[in-house]
PDB file of N, CA and C in Angstrom:
ATOM      1  N   MET A   1       1.029  -0.942   0.067  1.00  0.00           N
ATOM      2  CA  MET A   1      -0.065   0.034  -0.052  1.00  0.00           C
ATOM      3  C   MET A   1       0.973   1.125   0.022  1.00  0.00           C
ATOM      4  N   HIS A   2       0.682   2.088  -1.104  1.00  0.00           N
ATOM      5  CA  HIS A   2       1.707   3.197  -0.998  1.00  0.00           C
ATOM      6  C   HIS A   2       1.316   4.147  -0.151  1.00  0.00           C
ATOM      7  N   GLU A   3       0.028   4.419   0.571  1.00  0.00           N
ATOM      8  CA  GLU A   3      -0.385   5.363   1.444  1.00  0.00           C
ATOM      9  C   GLU A   3       0.452   5.230   2.682  1.00  0.00           C
ATOM     10  N   MET A   4       1.300   4.176   3.109  1.00  0.00           N
ATOM     11  CA  MET A   4       2.082   4.313   4.036  1.00  0.00           C
ATOM     12  C   MET A   4       3.312   5.155   3.933  1.00  0.00           C
ATOM     13  N   SER A   5       3.867   5.043   2.512  1.00  0.00           N
ATOM     14  CA  SER A   5       4.848   5.889   2.016  1.00  0.00           C
ATOM     15  C   SER A   5       4.309   7.268   1.904  1.00  0.00           C
ATOM     16  N   LEU A   6       3.137   7.457   1.597  1.00  0.00           N
ATOM     17  CA  LEU A   6       2.942   9.119   1.610  1.00  0.00           C
ATOM     18  C   LEU A   6       2.621   9.456   2.849  1.00  0.00           C
ATOM     19  N   ALA A   7       1.927   8.888   3.780  1.00  0.00           N
ATOM     20  CA  ALA A   7       2.099   9.343   5.194  1.00  0.00           C
ATOM     21  C   ALA A   7       3.522   9.584   5.780  1.00  0.00           C
ATOM     22  N   ASP A   8       4.358   8.676   5.521  1.00  0.00           N
ATOM     23  CA  ASP A   8       5.878   8.976   5.869  1.00  0.00           C
ATOM     24  C   ASP A   8       6.339  10.092   5.087  1.00  0.00           C
ATOM     25  N   GLY A   9       5.897  10.526   4.053  1.00  0.00           N
ATOM     26  CA  GLY A   9       6.339  11.605   3.327  1.00  0.00           C
ATOM     27  C   GLY A   9       5.904  12.904   3.995  1.00  0.00           C
ATOM     28  N   VAL A  10       4.666  12.661   4.334  1.00  0.00           N
ATOM     29  CA  VAL A  10       4.202  13.915   5.158  1.00  0.00           C
ATOM     30  C   VAL A  10       4.614  14.135   6.456  1.00  0.00           C
ATOM     31  N   ARG A  11       5.175  12.990   7.270  1.00  0.00           N
ATOM     32  CA  ARG A  11       5.878  13.025   8.462  1.00  0.00           C
ATOM     33  C   ARG A  11       7.064  13.893   8.236  1.00  0.00           C
ATOM     34  N   GLN A  12       7.815  13.707   7.142  1.00  0.00           N
ATOM     35  CA  GLN A  12       9.349  14.174   6.825  1.00  0.00           C
ATOM     36  C   GLN A  12       9.062  15.564   6.777  1.00  0.00           C
ATOM     37  N   VAL A  13       7.801  16.332   5.865  1.00  0.00           N
ATOM     38  CA  VAL A  13       7.672  17.481   5.899  1.00  0.00           C
ATOM     39  C   VAL A  13       7.215  18.271   7.074  1.00  0.00           C
ATOM     40  N   ILE A  14       6.303  17.465   8.065  1.00  0.00           N
ATOM     41  CA  ILE A  14       6.045  18.229   9.249  1.00  0.00           C
ATOM     42  C   ILE A  14       7.286  18.264   9.971  1.00  0.00           C
ATOM     43  N   GLU A  15       8.193  17.320  10.196  1.00  0.00           N
ATOM     44  CA  GLU A  15       9.430  17.296  10.949  1.00  0.00           C
ATOM     45  C   GLU A  15      10.325  18.737  10.410  1.00  0.00           C
ATOM     46  N   ASP A  16      10.543  18.548   8.827  1.00  0.00           N
ATOM     47  CA  ASP A  16      11.162  19.594   8.553  1.00  0.00           C
ATOM     48  C   ASP A  16      10.654  20.883   8.919  1.00  0.00           C
ATOM     49  N   SER A  17       9.258  21.223   8.727  1.00  0.00           N
ATOM     50  CA  SER A  17       8.808  22.421   8.901  1.00  0.00           C
ATOM     51  C   SER A  17       8.875  22.673  10.447  1.00  0.00           C
ATOM     52  N   ALA A  18       8.847  21.757  11.450  1.00  0.00           N
ATOM     53  CA  ALA A  18       9.193  22.003  12.808  1.00  0.00           C
ATOM     54  C   ALA A  18      10.664  22.526  13.236  1.00  0.00           C
ATOM     55  N   LYS A  19      11.529  21.937  12.378  1.00  0.00           N
ATOM     56  CA  LYS A  19      12.797  22.536  12.463  1.00  0.00           C
ATOM     57  C   LYS A  19      12.870  23.835  12.016  1.00  0.00           C
ATOM     58  N   ALA A  20      12.469  24.257  11.073  1.00  0.00           N
ATOM     59  CA  ALA A  20      12.487  25.428  10.413  1.00  0.00           C
ATOM     60  C   ALA A  20      11.653  26.603  11.307  1.00  0.00           C
ATOM     61  N   ASN A  21      10.774  26.114  11.932  1.00  0.00           N
ATOM     62  CA  ASN A  21       9.728  27.076  12.279  1.00  0.00           C
ATOM     63  C   ASN A  21       9.884  27.051  14.070  1.00  0.00           C
ATOM     64  N   GLY A  22      10.456  26.007  14.584  1.00  0.00           N
ATOM     65  CA  GLY A  22      10.787  25.908  16.007  1.00  0.00           C
ATOM     66  C   GLY A  22       9.372  25.578  16.681  1.00  0.00           C
ATOM     67  N   PHE A  23       8.454  24.666  16.212  1.00  0.00           N
ATOM     68  CA  PHE A  23       7.309  24.164  17.044  1.00  0.00           C
ATOM     69  C   PHE A  23       7.770  22.699  17.560  1.00  0.00           C
ATOM     70  N   THR A  24       7.122  22.536  18.702  1.00  0.00           N
ATOM     71  CA  THR A  24       7.392  21.174  19.126  1.00  0.00           C
ATOM     72  C   THR A  24       6.021  20.301  19.264  1.00  0.00           C
ATOM     73  N   ARG A  25       4.939  20.575  18.723  1.00  0.00           N
ATOM     74  CA  ARG A  25       3.645  19.960  18.895  1.00  0.00           C
ATOM     75  C   ARG A  25       2.893  20.060  17.802  1.00  0.00           C
ATOM     76  N   VAL A  26       2.340  19.032  17.156  1.00  0.00           N
ATOM     77  CA  VAL A  26       1.466  19.176  15.930  1.00  0.00           C
ATOM     78  C   VAL A  26      -0.145  18.854  16.453  1.00  0.00           C
ATOM     79  N   LYS A  27      -0.962  19.808  16.539  1.00  0.00           N
ATOM     80  CA  LYS A  27      -2.259  19.427  17.220  1.00  0.00           C
ATOM     81  C   LYS A  27      -3.094  19.036  15.901  1.00  0.00           C
ATOM     82  N   THR A  28      -2.930  19.450  14.760  1.00  0.00           N
ATOM     83  CA  THR A  28      -4.119  19.154  13.667  1.00  0.00           C
ATOM     84  C   THR A  28      -3.214  19.406  12.283  1.00  0.00           C
ATOM     85  N   VAL A  29      -3.549  18.542  11.350  1.00  0.00           N
ATOM     86  CA  VAL A  29      -2.839  18.688   9.936  1.00  0.00           C
ATOM     87  C   VAL A  29      -4.029  18.363   9.217  1.00  0.00           C
ATOM     88  N   TRP A  30      -3.964  19.506   8.254  1.00  0.00           N
ATOM     89  CA  TRP A  30      -4.884  19.511   6.948  1.00  0.00           C
ATOM     90  C   TRP A  30      -4.022  19.117   5.700  1.00  0.00           C
ATOM     91  N   LEU A  31      -4.714  18.068   5.335  1.00  0.00           N
ATOM     92  CA  LEU A  31      -4.156  17.421   3.748  1.00  0.00           C
ATOM     93  C   LEU A  31      -5.140  17.928   2.902  1.00  0.00           C
ATOM     94  N   GLU A  32      -4.457  18.402   1.676  1.00  0.00           N
ATOM     95  CA  GLU A  32      -5.517  18.422   0.408  1.00  0.00           C
ATOM     96  C   GLU A  32      -5.226  17.316  -0.479  1.00  0.00           C
ATOM     97  N   ILE A  33      -6.043  16.613  -0.634  1.00  0.00           N
ATOM     98  CA  ILE A  33      -6.110  15.612  -1.606  1.00  0.00           C
ATOM     99  C   ILE A  33      -7.000  15.549  -2.733  1.00  0.00           C
ATOM    100  N   GLY A  34      -6.504  15.505  -4.177  1.00  0.00           N
ATOM    101  CA  GLY A  34      -7.227  15.717  -5.301  1.00  0.00           C
ATOM    102  C   GLY A  34      -7.948  14.180  -5.628  1.00  0.00           C
ATOM    103  N   ALA A  35      -9.260  14.483  -5.951  1.00  0.00           N
ATOM    104  CA  ALA A  35      -9.780  13.203  -6.613  1.00  0.00           C
ATOM    105  C   ALA A  35      -8.901  12.372  -7.505  1.00  0.00           C
ATOM    106  N   LEU A  36      -8.234  12.999  -8.205  1.00  0.00           N
ATOM    107  CA  LEU A  36      -7.597  12.143  -9.283  1.00  0.00           C
ATOM    108  C   LEU A  36      -5.909  11.758  -8.798  1.00  0.00           C
ATOM    109  N   ALA A  37      -5.711  11.992  -7.402  1.00  0.00           N
ATOM    110  CA  ALA A  37      -4.321  11.690  -6.934  1.00  0.00           C
ATOM    111  C   ALA A  37      -4.148  10.199  -6.753  1.00  0.00           C
ATOM    112  N   GLY A  38      -5.312   9.454  -6.726  1.00  0.00           N
ATOM    113  CA  GLY A  38      -4.996   7.949  -6.473  1.00  0.00           C
ATOM    114  C   GLY A  38      -4.571   7.554  -5.025  1.00  0.00           C
ATOM    115  N   VAL A  39      -5.244   8.437  -4.096  1.00  0.00           N
ATOM    116  CA  VAL A  39      -4.891   7.988  -2.813  1.00  0.00           C
ATOM    117  C   VAL A  39      -6.284   7.440  -2.139  1.00  0.00           C
ATOM    118  N   GLU A  40      -6.148   6.400  -1.517  1.00  0.00           N
ATOM    119  CA  GLU A  40      -7.237   5.946  -0.802  1.00  0.00           C
ATOM    120  C   GLU A  40      -7.196   6.637   0.599  1.00  0.00           C
ATOM    121  N   VAL A  41      -8.027   7.414   0.759  1.00  0.00           N
ATOM    122  CA  VAL A  41      -8.104   8.247   2.073  1.00  0.00           C
ATOM    123  C   VAL A  41      -8.184   7.434   3.372  1.00  0.00           C
ATOM    124  N   GLU A  42      -9.079   6.486   3.276  1.00  0.00           N
ATOM    125  CA  GLU A  42      -9.308   5.680   4.478  1.00  0.00           C
ATOM    126  C   GLU A  42      -8.020   4.907   5.020  1.00  0.00           C
ATOM    127  N   ALA A  43      -7.152   4.218   3.822  1.00  0.00           N
ATOM    128  CA  ALA A  43      -5.990   3.788   4.186  1.00  0.00           C
ATOM    129  C   ALA A  43      -4.969   4.911   4.548  1.00  0.00           C
ATOM    130  N   LEU A  44      -4.956   5.946   4.189  1.00  0.00           N
ATOM    131  CA  LEU A  44      -4.266   7.143   4.535  1.00  0.00           C
ATOM    132  C   LEU A  44      -4.480   7.425   6.076  1.00  0.00           C
ATOM    133  N   ARG A  45      -5.525   7.478   6.191  1.00  0.00           N
ATOM    134  CA  ARG A  45      -5.898   7.744   7.765  1.00  0.00           C
ATOM    135  C   ARG A  45      -5.360   6.641   8.404  1.00  0.00           C
ATOM    136  N   PHE A  46      -5.377   5.535   8.283  1.00  0.00           N
ATOM    137  CA  PHE A  46      -4.924   4.323   9.116  1.00  0.00           C
ATOM    138  C   PHE A  46      -3.291   4.403   9.239  1.00  0.00           C
ATOM    139  N   CYS A  47      -2.644   4.821   8.010  1.00  0.00           N
ATOM    140  CA  CYS A  47      -1.206   4.906   8.089  1.00  0.00           C
ATOM    141  C   CYS A  47      -0.882   6.064   8.923  1.00  0.00           C
ATOM    142  N   PHE A  48      -1.500   7.097   8.710  1.00  0.00           N
ATOM    143  CA  PHE A  48      -1.347   8.287   9.446  1.00  0.00           C
ATOM    144  C   PHE A  48      -1.041   8.037  10.920  1.00  0.00           C
ATOM    145  N   ASP A  49      -2.022   7.363  11.515  1.00  0.00           N
ATOM    146  CA  ASP A  49      -1.901   7.162  12.758  1.00  0.00           C
ATOM    147  C   ASP A  49      -0.712   6.008  13.258  1.00  0.00           C
ATOM    148  N   ALA A  50      -0.417   5.209  12.432  1.00  0.00           N
ATOM    149  CA  ALA A  50       0.689   4.374  12.556  1.00  0.00           C
ATOM    150  C   ALA A  50       2.023   5.137  12.498  1.00  0.00           C
ATOM    151  N   VAL A  51       2.181   5.908  11.313  1.00  0.00           N
ATOM    152  CA  VAL A  51       3.325   6.669  11.159  1.00  0.00           C
ATOM    153  C   VAL A  51       3.821   7.762  12.275  1.00  0.00           C
ATOM    154  N   PHE A  52       2.781   8.288  12.606  1.00  0.00           N
ATOM    155  CA  PHE A  52       2.952   9.573  13.455  1.00  0.00           C
ATOM    156  C   PHE A  52       2.903   9.172  15.029  1.00  0.00           C
ATOM    157  N   LYS A  53       2.725   7.806  15.306  1.00  0.00           N
ATOM    158  CA  LYS A  53       3.121   7.384  16.703  1.00  0.00           C
ATOM    159  C   LYS A  53       4.364   7.767  17.135  1.00  0.00           C
ATOM    160  N   ASP A  54       4.404   8.332  18.293  1.00  0.00           N
ATOM    161  CA  ASP A  54       5.896   8.666  19.031  1.00  0.00           C
ATOM    162  C   ASP A  54       6.357   9.826  18.252  1.00  0.00           C
ATOM    163  N   THR A  55       5.509  10.631  17.449  1.00  0.00           N
ATOM    164  CA  THR A  55       6.401  11.830  16.832  1.00  0.00           C
ATOM    165  C   THR A  55       5.814  12.964  17.423  1.00  0.00           C
ATOM    166  N   LEU A  56       6.201  14.286  16.828  1.00  0.00           N
ATOM    167  CA  LEU A  56       5.549  15.606  17.586  1.00  0.00           C
ATOM    168  C   LEU A  56       4.130  15.684  17.042  1.00  0.00           C
ATOM    169  N   ALA A  57       3.609  14.630  16.070  1.00  0.00           N
ATOM    170  CA  ALA A  57       2.197  14.712  15.727  1.00  0.00           C
ATOM    171  C   ALA A  57       1.588  13.631  16.184  1.00  0.00           C
ATOM    172  N   ASP A  58       1.921  12.935  17.153  1.00  0.00           N
ATOM    173  CA  ASP A  58       1.316  11.693  17.789  1.00  0.00           C
ATOM    174  C   ASP A  58      -0.072  12.585  18.473  1.00  0.00           C
ATOM    175  N   GLY A  59      -1.183  11.704  18.144  1.00  0.00           N
ATOM    176  CA  GLY A  59      -2.566  12.191  18.467  1.00  0.00           C
ATOM    177  C   GLY A  59      -3.093  13.238  17.793  1.00  0.00           C
ATOM    178  N   ALA A  60      -2.241  13.772  16.777  1.00  0.00           N
ATOM    179  CA  ALA A  60      -3.016  14.792  15.983  1.00  0.00           C
ATOM    180  C   ALA A  60      -4.117  14.536  15.206  1.00  0.00           C
ATOM    181  N   ARG A  61      -4.967  15.435  15.020  1.00  0.00           N
ATOM    182  CA  ARG A  61      -6.262  15.314  14.297  1.00  0.00           C
ATOM    183  C   ARG A  61      -5.890  15.336  12.788  1.00  0.00           C
ATOM    184  N   LEU A  62      -6.214  14.561  11.970  1.00  0.00           N
ATOM    185  CA  LEU A  62      -6.135  14.652  10.468  1.00  0.00           C
ATOM    186  C   LEU A  62      -7.312  15.216   9.900  1.00  0.00           C
ATOM    187  N   GLU A  63      -7.343  16.178   9.112  1.00  0.00           N
ATOM    188  CA  GLU A  63      -8.559  16.790   8.357  1.00  0.00           C
ATOM    189  C   GLU A  63      -8.244  16.701   6.742  1.00  0.00           C
ATOM    190  N   ILE A  64      -8.889  16.220   5.916  1.00  0.00           N
ATOM    191  CA  ILE A  64      -8.806  15.951   4.522  1.00  0.00           C
ATOM    192  C   ILE A  64      -9.754  16.947   3.881  1.00  0.00           C
ATOM    193  N   VAL A  65      -9.018  17.717   3.043  1.00  0.00           N
ATOM    194  CA  VAL A  65      -9.785  18.623   2.268  1.00  0.00           C
ATOM    195  C   VAL A  65      -9.722  18.147   0.732  1.00  0.00           C
ATOM    196  N   GLU A  66     -10.867  17.644   0.268  1.00  0.00           N
ATOM    197  CA  GLU A  66     -10.730  16.900  -1.077  1.00  0.00           C
ATOM    198  C   GLU A  66     -11.085  17.807  -2.200  1.00  0.00           C
ATOM    199  N   THR A  67     -10.524  17.932  -3.323  1.00  0.00           N
ATOM    200  CA  THR A  67     -10.549  18.824  -4.327  1.00  0.00           C
ATOM    201  C   THR A  67     -11.225  18.064  -5.573  1.00  0.00           C
ATOM    202  N   PRO A  68     -11.997  18.415  -6.272  1.00  0.00           N
ATOM    203  CA  PRO A  68     -12.798  17.715  -7.477  1.00  0.00           C
ATOM    204  C   PRO A  68     -11.644  17.755  -8.568  1.00  0.00           C
ATOM    205  N   GLY A  69     -11.825  16.469  -9.435  1.00  0.00           N
ATOM    206  CA  GLY A  69     -11.103  16.397 -10.627  1.00  0.00           C
ATOM    207  C   GLY A  69     -11.561  17.382 -11.626  1.00  0.00           C
ATOM    208  N   GLU A  70     -10.561  17.747 -12.619  1.00  0.00           N
ATOM    209  CA  GLU A  70     -10.991  18.668 -13.546  1.00  0.00           C
ATOM    210  C   GLU A  70      -9.891  18.378 -14.521  1.00  0.00           C
ATOM    211  N   GLY A  71     -10.553  18.666 -15.985  1.00  0.00           N
ATOM    212  CA  GLY A  71      -9.692  18.575 -16.923  1.00  0.00           C
ATOM    213  C   GLY A  71      -9.748  19.376 -18.182  1.00  0.00           C
ATOM    214  N   TRP A  72      -9.062  19.757 -19.315  1.00  0.00           N
ATOM    215  CA  TRP A  72      -9.149  20.460 -20.217  1.00  0.00           C
ATOM    216  C   TRP A  72      -9.581  19.708 -21.660  1.00  0.00           C
ATOM    217  N   CYS A  73     -10.379  19.700 -22.120  1.00  0.00           N
ATOM    218  CA  CYS A  73     -10.658  18.803 -23.353  1.00  0.00           C
ATOM    219  C   CYS A  73     -10.084  19.616 -24.629  1.00  0.00           C
ATOM    220  N   GLN A  74      -9.187  18.784 -25.312  1.00  0.00           N
ATOM    221  CA  GLN A  74      -8.786  19.464 -26.504  1.00  0.00           C
ATOM    222  C   GLN A  74      -9.648  19.500 -27.696  1.00  0.00           C
ATOM    223  N   ALA A  75     -10.507  18.768 -27.583  1.00  0.00           N
ATOM    224  CA  ALA A  75     -11.367  18.559 -28.768  1.00  0.00           C
ATOM    225  C   ALA A  75     -12.430  19.819 -28.808  1.00  0.00           C
ATOM    226  N   CYS A  76     -12.891  20.223 -27.579  1.00  0.00           N
ATOM    227  CA  CYS A  76     -14.055  21.396 -27.508  1.00  0.00           C
ATOM    228  C   CYS A  76     -13.313  22.553 -26.736  1.00  0.00           C
ATOM    229  N   GLY A  77     -11.915  22.232 -26.435  1.00  0.00           N
ATOM    230  CA  GLY A  77     -11.513  23.632 -25.916  1.00  0.00           C
ATOM    231  C   GLY A  77     -12.268  24.110 -24.534  1.00  0.00           C
ATOM    232  N   LYS A  78     -12.833  23.172 -23.682  1.00  0.00           N
ATOM    233  CA  LYS A  78     -13.593  23.581 -22.522  1.00  0.00           C
ATOM    234  C   LYS A  78     -12.770  22.841 -21.238  1.00  0.00           C
ATOM    235  N   THR A  79     -12.686  23.630 -20.117  1.00  0.00           N
ATOM    236  CA  THR A  79     -12.456  22.854 -18.931  1.00  0.00           C
ATOM    237  C   THR A  79     -13.649  22.222 -18.439  1.00  0.00           C
ATOM    238  N   VAL A  80     -13.449  20.849 -18.070  1.00  0.00           N
ATOM    239  CA  VAL A  80     -14.590  19.981 -17.557  1.00  0.00           C
ATOM    240  C   VAL A  80     -14.402  19.422 -16.115  1.00  0.00           C
ATOM    241  N   ALA A  81     -15.121  19.293 -15.556  1.00  0.00           N
ATOM    242  CA  ALA A  81     -15.313  18.084 -14.519  1.00  0.00           C
ATOM    243  C   ALA A  81     -15.224  16.671 -14.801  1.00  0.00           C
ATOM    244  N   ILE A  82     -14.043  16.212 -14.396  1.00  0.00           N
ATOM    245  CA  ILE A  82     -13.862  14.555 -14.294  1.00  0.00           C
ATOM    246  C   ILE A  82     -13.910  13.853 -13.076  1.00  0.00           C
ATOM    247  N   GLU A  83     -14.266  12.492 -13.148  1.00  0.00           N
ATOM    248  CA  GLU A  83     -14.242  11.846 -11.903  1.00  0.00           C
ATOM    249  C   GLU A  83     -13.046  10.810 -11.856  1.00  0.00           C
ATOM    250  N   GLN A  84     -12.646  10.428 -13.044  1.00  0.00           N
ATOM    251  CA  GLN A  84     -11.449   9.570 -13.254  1.00  0.00           C
ATOM    252  C   GLN A  84     -10.503   9.972 -14.328  1.00  0.00           C
ATOM    253  N   ARG A  85      -9.372   9.700 -14.295  1.00  0.00           N
ATOM    254  CA  ARG A  85      -8.243   9.954 -15.338  1.00  0.00           C
ATOM    255  C   ARG A  85      -8.774   9.286 -16.648  1.00  0.00           C
ATOM    256  N   TYR A  86      -8.870   9.885 -17.587  1.00  0.00           N
ATOM    257  CA  TYR A  86      -9.056   9.151 -19.242  1.00  0.00           C
ATOM    258  C   TYR A  86     -10.547   9.100 -19.186  1.00  0.00           C
ATOM    259  N   ASP A  87     -11.526   9.892 -18.277  1.00  0.00           N
ATOM    260  CA  ASP A  87     -12.947   9.965 -18.419  1.00  0.00           C
ATOM    261  C   ASP A  87     -12.874  10.576 -19.887  1.00  0.00           C
ATOM    262  N   ALA A  88     -14.050  10.336 -20.487  1.00  0.00           N
ATOM    263  CA  ALA A  88     -14.713  11.185 -21.725  1.00  0.00           C
ATOM    264  C   ALA A  88     -15.295  12.484 -21.243  1.00  0.00           C
ATOM    265  N   CYS A  89     -14.884  13.505 -22.197  1.00  0.00           N
ATOM    266  CA  CYS A  89     -15.451  14.886 -21.943  1.00  0.00           C
ATOM    267  C   CYS A  89     -16.865  14.676 -21.814  1.00  0.00           C
ATOM    268  N   PRO A  90     -17.423  15.400 -20.586  1.00  0.00           N
ATOM    269  CA  PRO A  90     -18.913  15.357 -20.500  1.00  0.00           C
ATOM    270  C   PRO A  90     -19.721  16.180 -21.333  1.00  0.00           C
ATOM    271  N   LEU A  91     -18.905  17.039 -22.214  1.00  0.00           N
ATOM    272  CA  LEU A  91     -19.544  17.866 -23.258  1.00  0.00           C
ATOM    273  C   LEU A  91     -19.711  17.285 -24.609  1.00  0.00           C
ATOM    274  N   CYS A  92     -18.554  16.762 -25.107  1.00  0.00           N
ATOM    275  CA  CYS A  92     -18.517  16.361 -26.485  1.00  0.00           C
ATOM    276  C   CYS A  92     -18.053  14.857 -26.579  1.00  0.00           C
ATOM    277  N   ASP A  93     -18.274  14.100 -25.585  1.00  0.00           N
ATOM    278  CA  ASP A  93     -17.749  12.649 -25.533  1.00  0.00           C
ATOM    279  C   ASP A  93     -16.419  12.384 -25.985  1.00  0.00           C
ATOM    280  N   GLY A  94     -15.527  13.444 -26.219  1.00  0.00           N
ATOM    281  CA  GLY A  94     -14.258  13.122 -26.674  1.00  0.00           C
ATOM    282  C   GLY A  94     -13.211  12.631 -25.505  1.00  0.00           C
ATOM    283  N   TYR A  95     -12.165  11.950 -26.213  1.00  0.00           N
ATOM    284  CA  TYR A  95     -11.415  11.206 -25.118  1.00  0.00           C
ATOM    285  C   TYR A  95      -9.812  11.864 -24.835  1.00  0.00           C
ATOM    286  N   GLN A  96      -9.934  13.235 -25.518  1.00  0.00           N
ATOM    287  CA  GLN A  96      -8.699  13.874 -25.460  1.00  0.00           C
ATOM    288  C   GLN A  96      -8.860  14.870 -24.210  1.00  0.00           C
ATOM    289  N   VAL A  97      -8.925  14.360 -22.940  1.00  0.00           N
ATOM    290  CA  VAL A  97      -9.201  15.234 -22.075  1.00  0.00           C
ATOM    291  C   VAL A  97      -7.927  15.204 -20.828  1.00  0.00           C
ATOM    292  N   GLN A  98      -7.302  16.221 -20.840  1.00  0.00           N
ATOM    293  CA  GLN A  98      -5.943  16.140 -20.099  1.00  0.00           C
ATOM    294  C   GLN A  98      -6.190  16.684 -18.529  1.00  0.00           C
ATOM    295  N   ALA A  99      -6.088  16.013 -17.576  1.00  0.00           N
ATOM    296  CA  ALA A  99      -6.327  16.361 -16.054  1.00  0.00           C
ATOM    297  C   ALA A  99      -5.306  17.371 -15.787  1.00  0.00           C
ATOM    298  N   THR A 100      -6.132  18.586 -15.280  1.00  0.00           N
ATOM    299  CA  THR A 100      -5.637  19.714 -14.923  1.00  0.00           C
ATOM    300  C   THR A 100      -5.640  20.125 -13.526  1.00  0.00           C
ATOM    301  N   GLY A 101      -6.717  19.314 -12.761  1.00  0.00           N
ATOM    302  CA  GLY A 101      -6.912  19.784 -11.186  1.00  0.00           C
ATOM    303  C   GLY A 101      -7.421  18.390 -10.657  1.00  0.00           C
ATOM    304  N   GLY A 102      -7.201  18.473  -9.289  1.00  0.00           N
ATOM    305  CA  GLY A 102      -7.453  17.337  -8.492  1.00  0.00           C
ATOM    306  C   GLY A 102      -6.368  16.364  -8.343  1.00  0.00           C
ATOM    307  N   LEU A 103      -5.156  16.771  -8.842  1.00  0.00           N
ATOM    308  CA  LEU A 103      -4.076  15.771  -8.810  1.00  0.00           C
ATOM    309  C   LEU A 103      -3.218  15.698  -7.417  1.00  0.00           C
ATOM    310  N   GLU A 104      -3.429  16.700  -6.819  1.00  0.00           N
ATOM    311  CA  GLU A 104      -2.497  17.153  -5.633  1.00  0.00           C
ATOM    312  C   GLU A 104      -2.710  16.365  -4.274  1.00  0.00           C
ATOM    313  N   LEU A 105      -1.606  16.050  -3.832  1.00  0.00           N
ATOM    314  CA  LEU A 105      -1.714  15.673  -2.439  1.00  0.00           C
ATOM    315  C   LEU A 105      -0.500  16.552  -1.664  1.00  0.00           C
ATOM    316  N   LYS A 106      -1.005  17.364  -0.806  1.00  0.00           N
ATOM    317  CA  LYS A 106      -0.077  18.348  -0.173  1.00  0.00           C
ATOM    318  C   LYS A 106      -0.512  18.834   1.455  1.00  0.00           C
ATOM    319  N   VAL A 107       0.425  19.159   2.012  1.00  0.00           N
ATOM    320  CA  VAL A 107       0.071  19.612   3.470  1.00  0.00           C
ATOM    321  C   VAL A 107      -0.529  21.090   3.273  1.00  0.00           C
ATOM    322  N   LYS A 108      -1.610  21.031   3.569  1.00  0.00           N
ATOM    323  CA  LYS A 108      -2.414  22.473   3.497  1.00  0.00           C
ATOM    324  C   LYS A 108      -2.174  23.641   4.575  1.00  0.00           C
ATOM    325  N   GLU A 109      -2.120  22.911   5.661  1.00  0.00           N
ATOM    326  CA  GLU A 109      -2.193  23.689   6.826  1.00  0.00           C
ATOM    327  C   GLU A 109      -1.660  22.955   8.012  1.00  0.00           C
ATOM    328  N   LEU A 110      -1.021  23.437   9.130  1.00  0.00           N
ATOM    329  CA  LEU A 110      -0.766  22.794  10.207  1.00  0.00           C
ATOM    330  C   LEU A 110      -0.993  23.738  11.623  1.00  0.00           C
ATOM    331  N   GLU A 111      -1.888  23.156  12.602  1.00  0.00           N
ATOM    332  CA  GLU A 111      -2.029  23.632  13.870  1.00  0.00           C
ATOM    333  C   GLU A 111      -0.990  23.302  14.803  1.00  0.00           C
ATOM    334  N   VAL A 112      -0.259  24.204  15.504  1.00  0.00           N
ATOM    335  CA  VAL A 112       0.951  23.668  16.152  1.00  0.00           C
ATOM    336  C   VAL A 112       0.805  24.348  17.331  1.00  0.00           C
ATOM    337  N   GLU A 113       1.850  23.929  18.362  1.00  0.00           N
ATOM    338  CA  GLU A 113       2.278  24.436  19.457  1.00  0.00           C
ATOM    339  C   GLU A 113       3.726  24.898  19.827  1.00  0.00           C
TER     340      GLU A 113
END
């Protein structure tokens, strides 16, 4: 499950931020996860608890901000909502849709002490 390595990457980002900004405890972590990022949110929640045990974010609340999938259709020149990569354009049924949004996985915000 790649969610474990994603959680470990988030841990590293938080630890680097703690060193740079001088905080010692994380109370809440907000992650922005796109619908097209290929992340199983519930698996990431499980991994978050395991990876953050005995760290400065042990017991921190995890908040997920989900962003919708979006793509640009080359055939009709429109930006459209998509639920999966390689979906057809909902306007023209063309399959030349390039994903442009909903691909992210990033630490959006931290509540720290």
